[in-house]
Amino acid sequence: MKKERASVSNPDELNKYLQKSSFVVWFILGIVVSILLSFFVWSMIYKVKVKISGLADISSGEVTLHVEEKSLKQLEIGQKVYIQNQELEISSLDDNNQPTLTKSTLEDGEYPYYIVVKEVKPIEFLIGK
C-alpha cells in the first residue's frame, strides 16, 4: 500500500504543515555552532609542535646531545634546544649531522632536552598545506 503525499494548493494551507521550532532546538543548534566555530578559530591560532627529545650531557659548559640516528636529518643550524628552561641554539652541524650548541651555564650533568623541529597549525591538516 502506497502512502499518498500531501500537496499544498495555496499558501494558507502551509500553516498545517509548518511547525514552530522550540527554544530547546535553537539552543542546542547554537551550542553546536559555537563549538564548531571555537574549534575552527583554535585550529587557526594554536600550533602543534613536533619535537625531538633525548638526554644531553653537560661538561664545563660544553653540551653533547644524544640524538637518535633517524632524527639527525631533521636538525638545522639555528634551531632552538631547550634544556632545563634554558634556550640554547644549534650553532653548527658536523659531517655526521651531529649538532654543536652554544655554551650552557648549567651545572655539569645529564639533563633531558627537546628541540622543536616543526610547528604546524591544525587547520593545515584540513586545508592540506
N, C-alpha and C. Protein backbone atom coordinates (compact mmCIF):
# COMPACT_ATOMS: atom_id res chain seq x y z
N MET A 1 0.83 -1.16 0.00
CA MET A 1 0.00 0.00 0.00
C MET A 1 0.89 1.24 0.00
N LYS A 2 0.67 2.08 -0.97
CA LYS A 2 1.47 3.28 -1.13
C LYS A 2 0.77 4.46 -0.47
N LYS A 3 1.57 5.23 0.31
CA LYS A 3 1.01 6.37 1.00
C LYS A 3 1.02 7.58 0.07
N GLU A 4 -0.09 8.29 0.03
CA GLU A 4 -0.16 9.47 -0.82
C GLU A 4 0.51 10.65 -0.15
N ARG A 5 1.20 11.44 -0.96
CA ARG A 5 1.84 12.65 -0.45
C ARG A 5 0.83 13.78 -0.39
N ALA A 6 0.94 14.54 0.67
CA ALA A 6 0.05 15.69 0.80
C ALA A 6 0.59 16.82 -0.06
N SER A 7 -0.29 17.48 -0.74
CA SER A 7 0.14 18.61 -1.56
C SER A 7 -0.54 19.88 -1.07
N VAL A 8 0.13 20.97 -1.31
CA VAL A 8 -0.38 22.27 -0.89
C VAL A 8 -0.79 23.03 -2.13
N SER A 9 -2.03 23.47 -2.16
CA SER A 9 -2.50 24.17 -3.35
C SER A 9 -2.53 25.69 -3.16
N ASN A 10 -2.55 26.16 -1.91
CA ASN A 10 -2.48 27.61 -1.70
C ASN A 10 -1.67 27.90 -0.43
N PRO A 11 -1.17 29.12 -0.27
CA PRO A 11 -0.29 29.46 0.85
C PRO A 11 -0.94 29.32 2.23
N ASP A 12 -2.23 29.40 2.32
CA ASP A 12 -2.89 29.28 3.62
C ASP A 12 -2.78 27.87 4.19
N GLU A 13 -2.62 26.90 3.32
CA GLU A 13 -2.51 25.52 3.78
C GLU A 13 -1.14 25.20 4.36
N LEU A 14 -0.16 26.07 4.14
CA LEU A 14 1.18 25.84 4.67
C LEU A 14 1.18 25.77 6.20
N ASN A 15 0.30 26.51 6.84
CA ASN A 15 0.25 26.52 8.30
C ASN A 15 -0.01 25.14 8.89
N LYS A 16 -0.67 24.28 8.16
CA LYS A 16 -0.93 22.92 8.64
C LYS A 16 0.37 22.11 8.72
N TYR A 17 1.30 22.39 7.79
CA TYR A 17 2.49 21.55 7.68
C TYR A 17 3.72 22.14 8.38
N LEU A 18 3.75 23.43 8.51
CA LEU A 18 4.88 24.07 9.17
C LEU A 18 4.66 24.09 10.67
N GLN A 19 5.73 23.80 11.41
CA GLN A 19 5.64 23.83 12.86
C GLN A 19 6.69 24.76 13.40
N LYS A 20 6.38 25.36 14.53
CA LYS A 20 7.33 26.24 15.18
C LYS A 20 8.40 25.39 15.86
N SER A 21 9.67 25.81 15.72
CA SER A 21 10.74 25.13 16.43
C SER A 21 10.80 25.64 17.85
N SER A 22 11.05 24.74 18.76
CA SER A 22 11.09 25.14 20.17
C SER A 22 12.42 25.80 20.51
N PHE A 23 12.44 26.48 21.63
CA PHE A 23 13.65 27.15 22.11
C PHE A 23 14.79 26.15 22.31
N VAL A 24 14.47 24.97 22.79
CA VAL A 24 15.49 23.95 23.07
C VAL A 24 16.24 23.57 21.79
N VAL A 25 15.54 23.43 20.70
CA VAL A 25 16.17 23.08 19.42
C VAL A 25 17.15 24.18 19.01
N TRP A 26 16.72 25.44 19.11
CA TRP A 26 17.60 26.56 18.74
C TRP A 26 18.79 26.66 19.68
N PHE A 27 18.56 26.39 20.96
CA PHE A 27 19.63 26.42 21.95
C PHE A 27 20.70 25.36 21.64
N ILE A 28 20.28 24.15 21.37
CA ILE A 28 21.21 23.06 21.03
C ILE A 28 21.94 23.38 19.73
N LEU A 29 21.23 23.89 18.74
CA LEU A 29 21.87 24.27 17.48
C LEU A 29 22.91 25.37 17.71
N GLY A 30 22.60 26.33 18.57
CA GLY A 30 23.55 27.39 18.90
C GLY A 30 24.80 26.85 19.58
N ILE A 31 24.63 25.88 20.48
CA ILE A 31 25.78 25.27 21.15
C ILE A 31 26.66 24.53 20.15
N VAL A 32 26.05 23.76 19.26
CA VAL A 32 26.81 23.01 18.25
C VAL A 32 27.59 23.97 17.34
N VAL A 33 26.94 25.03 16.88
CA VAL A 33 27.61 26.01 16.01
C VAL A 33 28.74 26.70 16.78
N SER A 34 28.53 27.02 18.05
CA SER A 34 29.58 27.65 18.87
C SER A 34 30.79 26.75 19.04
N ILE A 35 30.55 25.47 19.28
CA ILE A 35 31.65 24.51 19.42
C ILE A 35 32.43 24.40 18.12
N LEU A 36 31.73 24.28 17.00
CA LEU A 36 32.41 24.18 15.71
C LEU A 36 33.21 25.44 15.39
N LEU A 37 32.63 26.60 15.66
CA LEU A 37 33.32 27.87 15.42
C LEU A 37 34.54 28.00 16.33
N SER A 38 34.41 27.61 17.59
CA SER A 38 35.53 27.65 18.53
C SER A 38 36.67 26.75 18.07
N PHE A 39 36.34 25.54 17.62
CA PHE A 39 37.36 24.62 17.12
C PHE A 39 38.06 25.21 15.90
N PHE A 40 37.31 25.82 15.00
CA PHE A 40 37.89 26.41 13.80
C PHE A 40 38.85 27.54 14.15
N VAL A 41 38.46 28.43 15.07
CA VAL A 41 39.32 29.54 15.49
C VAL A 41 40.56 28.99 16.18
N TRP A 42 40.38 28.01 17.07
CA TRP A 42 41.53 27.39 17.77
C TRP A 42 42.50 26.79 16.76
N SER A 43 41.99 26.11 15.75
CA SER A 43 42.87 25.44 14.78
C SER A 43 43.66 26.43 13.93
N MET A 44 43.20 27.68 13.84
CA MET A 44 43.94 28.70 13.08
C MET A 44 44.99 29.39 13.95
N ILE A 45 44.80 29.39 15.27
CA ILE A 45 45.69 30.12 16.17
C ILE A 45 46.75 29.20 16.79
N TYR A 46 46.34 28.05 17.31
CA TYR A 46 47.23 27.15 18.04
C TYR A 46 48.23 26.49 17.10
N LYS A 47 49.42 26.20 17.61
CA LYS A 47 50.44 25.49 16.83
C LYS A 47 50.83 24.21 17.55
N VAL A 48 50.82 23.11 16.83
CA VAL A 48 51.28 21.83 17.35
C VAL A 48 52.77 21.76 17.08
N LYS A 49 53.54 21.47 18.12
CA LYS A 49 54.99 21.44 17.99
C LYS A 49 55.46 20.00 17.81
N VAL A 50 56.25 19.77 16.76
CA VAL A 50 56.88 18.48 16.53
C VAL A 50 58.25 18.56 17.17
N LYS A 51 58.52 17.65 18.11
CA LYS A 51 59.74 17.76 18.91
C LYS A 51 60.61 16.52 18.79
N ILE A 52 61.92 16.74 18.97
CA ILE A 52 62.89 15.67 19.16
C ILE A 52 63.33 15.81 20.61
N SER A 53 63.39 14.71 21.32
CA SER A 53 63.82 14.80 22.71
C SER A 53 64.84 13.71 23.01
N GLY A 54 65.56 13.91 24.09
CA GLY A 54 66.57 12.94 24.50
C GLY A 54 67.31 13.47 25.72
N LEU A 55 68.54 12.96 25.91
CA LEU A 55 69.36 13.39 27.03
C LEU A 55 70.57 14.15 26.53
N ALA A 56 70.96 15.16 27.29
CA ALA A 56 72.13 15.97 26.97
C ALA A 56 73.13 15.84 28.11
N ASP A 57 74.40 15.66 27.76
CA ASP A 57 75.49 15.67 28.74
C ASP A 57 76.12 17.05 28.72
N ILE A 58 76.28 17.64 29.90
CA ILE A 58 76.91 18.95 30.00
C ILE A 58 78.18 18.79 30.84
N SER A 59 79.29 19.24 30.28
CA SER A 59 80.57 19.19 30.97
C SER A 59 81.34 20.46 30.67
N SER A 60 81.59 21.27 31.69
CA SER A 60 82.30 22.54 31.56
C SER A 60 81.64 23.47 30.53
N GLY A 61 80.33 23.47 30.49
CA GLY A 61 79.61 24.34 29.57
C GLY A 61 79.42 23.77 28.18
N GLU A 62 80.15 22.69 27.86
CA GLU A 62 80.01 22.03 26.56
C GLU A 62 78.84 21.06 26.61
N VAL A 63 77.99 21.13 25.61
CA VAL A 63 76.78 20.30 25.58
C VAL A 63 76.91 19.24 24.50
N THR A 64 76.66 17.99 24.89
CA THR A 64 76.63 16.88 23.93
C THR A 64 75.22 16.31 23.94
N LEU A 65 74.58 16.37 22.79
CA LEU A 65 73.22 15.83 22.67
C LEU A 65 73.28 14.40 22.19
N HIS A 66 72.46 13.56 22.80
CA HIS A 66 72.31 12.18 22.33
C HIS A 66 71.05 12.14 21.47
N VAL A 67 71.26 12.18 20.15
CA VAL A 67 70.15 12.25 19.19
C VAL A 67 70.07 10.92 18.45
N GLU A 68 68.85 10.38 18.34
CA GLU A 68 68.66 9.14 17.59
C GLU A 68 69.07 9.34 16.13
N GLU A 69 69.59 8.30 15.54
CA GLU A 69 70.08 8.36 14.16
C GLU A 69 69.00 8.85 13.18
N LYS A 70 67.78 8.38 13.35
CA LYS A 70 66.70 8.77 12.43
C LYS A 70 66.30 10.23 12.57
N SER A 71 66.62 10.85 13.69
CA SER A 71 66.24 12.25 13.93
C SER A 71 67.31 13.25 13.48
N LEU A 72 68.51 12.77 13.20
CA LEU A 72 69.61 13.67 12.85
C LEU A 72 69.33 14.49 11.59
N LYS A 73 68.63 13.90 10.63
CA LYS A 73 68.38 14.61 9.36
C LYS A 73 67.41 15.78 9.53
N GLN A 74 66.70 15.84 10.67
CA GLN A 74 65.75 16.93 10.91
C GLN A 74 66.41 18.16 11.54
N LEU A 75 67.67 18.02 11.93
CA LEU A 75 68.35 19.12 12.60
C LEU A 75 68.87 20.15 11.61
N GLU A 76 68.79 21.42 12.02
CA GLU A 76 69.28 22.53 11.20
C GLU A 76 69.96 23.54 12.09
N ILE A 77 70.88 24.28 11.51
CA ILE A 77 71.56 25.35 12.24
C ILE A 77 70.53 26.42 12.62
N GLY A 78 70.60 26.89 13.84
CA GLY A 78 69.69 27.93 14.31
C GLY A 78 68.49 27.42 15.08
N GLN A 79 68.26 26.10 15.06
CA GLN A 79 67.13 25.57 15.81
C GLN A 79 67.38 25.74 17.31
N LYS A 80 66.30 25.93 18.05
CA LYS A 80 66.37 26.13 19.49
C LYS A 80 66.37 24.78 20.20
N VAL A 81 67.24 24.67 21.21
CA VAL A 81 67.31 23.49 22.06
C VAL A 81 66.97 23.94 23.48
N TYR A 82 66.02 23.26 24.10
CA TYR A 82 65.57 23.65 25.44
C TYR A 82 66.02 22.61 26.46
N ILE A 83 66.86 23.08 27.41
CA ILE A 83 67.36 22.24 28.49
C ILE A 83 67.10 22.96 29.80
N GLN A 84 66.31 22.36 30.68
CA GLN A 84 66.02 22.94 32.00
C GLN A 84 65.60 24.41 31.90
N ASN A 85 64.67 24.72 31.04
CA ASN A 85 64.17 26.09 30.83
C ASN A 85 65.23 27.04 30.31
N GLN A 86 66.33 26.53 29.84
CA GLN A 86 67.36 27.35 29.21
C GLN A 86 67.29 27.12 27.70
N GLU A 87 67.30 28.21 26.95
CA GLU A 87 67.22 28.11 25.50
C GLU A 87 68.62 28.23 24.91
N LEU A 88 69.04 27.17 24.23
CA LEU A 88 70.32 27.17 23.53
C LEU A 88 70.03 27.08 22.04
N GLU A 89 71.05 27.23 21.23
CA GLU A 89 70.86 27.22 19.78
C GLU A 89 71.89 26.32 19.13
N ILE A 90 71.48 25.62 18.07
CA ILE A 90 72.43 24.80 17.31
C ILE A 90 73.27 25.76 16.48
N SER A 91 74.56 25.81 16.79
CA SER A 91 75.44 26.76 16.10
C SER A 91 76.08 26.15 14.85
N SER A 92 76.27 24.82 14.85
CA SER A 92 76.81 24.17 13.66
C SER A 92 76.50 22.69 13.69
N LEU A 93 76.66 22.06 12.53
CA LEU A 93 76.48 20.61 12.38
C LEU A 93 77.73 20.04 11.74
N ASP A 94 78.22 18.91 12.27
CA ASP A 94 79.42 18.31 11.67
C ASP A 94 79.02 17.44 10.47
N ASP A 95 79.99 16.70 9.92
CA ASP A 95 79.74 15.87 8.74
C ASP A 95 78.68 14.79 8.97
N ASN A 96 78.58 14.32 10.22
CA ASN A 96 77.58 13.30 10.54
C ASN A 96 76.26 13.90 11.03
N ASN A 97 76.13 15.21 10.86
CA ASN A 97 74.94 15.97 11.27
C ASN A 97 74.79 16.04 12.80
N GLN A 98 75.86 15.80 13.54
CA GLN A 98 75.83 15.95 14.99
C GLN A 98 75.90 17.44 15.32
N PRO A 99 75.02 17.92 16.20
CA PRO A 99 74.95 19.36 16.47
C PRO A 99 76.00 19.84 17.47
N THR A 100 76.43 21.07 17.27
CA THR A 100 77.25 21.79 18.25
C THR A 100 76.39 22.94 18.73
N LEU A 101 76.31 23.10 20.07
CA LEU A 101 75.44 24.10 20.65
C LEU A 101 76.23 25.26 21.22
N THR A 102 75.51 26.35 21.43
CA THR A 102 76.09 27.48 22.15
C THR A 102 76.37 27.03 23.58
N LYS A 103 77.24 27.73 24.29
CA LYS A 103 77.64 27.37 25.66
C LYS A 103 76.44 27.39 26.60
N SER A 104 76.50 26.49 27.57
CA SER A 104 75.45 26.41 28.58
C SER A 104 75.99 26.88 29.93
N THR A 105 75.13 27.46 30.73
CA THR A 105 75.53 27.89 32.08
C THR A 105 75.05 26.91 33.14
N LEU A 106 74.48 25.78 32.71
CA LEU A 106 74.01 24.77 33.65
C LEU A 106 75.19 24.02 34.26
N GLU A 107 74.95 23.45 35.43
CA GLU A 107 75.97 22.65 36.09
C GLU A 107 76.21 21.38 35.29
N ASP A 108 77.38 20.78 35.49
CA ASP A 108 77.71 19.53 34.81
C ASP A 108 76.71 18.44 35.20
N GLY A 109 76.35 17.63 34.23
CA GLY A 109 75.42 16.54 34.49
C GLY A 109 74.65 16.15 33.25
N GLU A 110 73.66 15.32 33.47
CA GLU A 110 72.84 14.83 32.37
C GLU A 110 71.43 15.40 32.53
N TYR A 111 70.91 16.00 31.46
CA TYR A 111 69.62 16.68 31.50
C TYR A 111 68.77 16.27 30.31
N PRO A 112 67.45 16.20 30.50
CA PRO A 112 66.57 15.99 29.34
C PRO A 112 66.51 17.26 28.50
N TYR A 113 66.36 17.10 27.20
CA TYR A 113 66.25 18.25 26.29
C TYR A 113 65.16 17.96 25.27
N TYR A 114 64.75 19.03 24.60
CA TYR A 114 63.90 18.86 23.42
C TYR A 114 64.22 19.97 22.42
N ILE A 115 64.00 19.63 21.15
CA ILE A 115 64.22 20.56 20.04
C ILE A 115 62.91 20.62 19.26
N VAL A 116 62.41 21.82 19.03
CA VAL A 116 61.21 21.99 18.21
C VAL A 116 61.68 22.02 16.75
N VAL A 117 61.34 20.98 16.00
CA VAL A 117 61.79 20.90 14.61
C VAL A 117 60.76 21.43 13.63
N LYS A 118 59.49 21.51 14.08
CA LYS A 118 58.45 21.98 13.17
C LYS A 118 57.25 22.41 14.00
N GLU A 119 56.57 23.46 13.55
CA GLU A 119 55.31 23.88 14.16
C GLU A 119 54.24 23.85 13.08
N VAL A 120 53.13 23.20 13.39
CA VAL A 120 52.06 23.03 12.41
C VAL A 120 50.75 23.49 13.04
N LYS A 121 49.99 24.28 12.31
CA LYS A 121 48.65 24.67 12.75
C LYS A 121 47.68 23.57 12.35
N PRO A 122 46.77 23.17 13.26
CA PRO A 122 45.80 22.12 12.92
C PRO A 122 44.97 22.40 11.67
N ILE A 123 44.72 23.67 11.36
CA ILE A 123 43.93 24.00 10.17
C ILE A 123 44.63 23.53 8.90
N GLU A 124 45.97 23.42 8.95
CA GLU A 124 46.73 22.97 7.78
C GLU A 124 46.42 21.51 7.43
N PHE A 125 46.02 20.72 8.43
CA PHE A 125 45.61 19.35 8.15
C PHE A 125 44.30 19.33 7.36
N LEU A 126 43.43 20.29 7.65
CA LEU A 126 42.12 20.34 6.99
C LEU A 126 42.22 20.88 5.56
N ILE A 127 43.07 21.91 5.37
CA ILE A 127 43.15 22.53 4.05
C ILE A 127 44.26 21.93 3.20
N GLY A 128 45.08 21.06 3.78
CA GLY A 128 46.08 20.32 3.01
C GLY A 128 47.32 21.08 2.62
N LYS A 129 47.83 21.94 3.50
CA LYS A 129 49.08 22.63 3.18
C LYS A 129 50.26 21.74 3.36
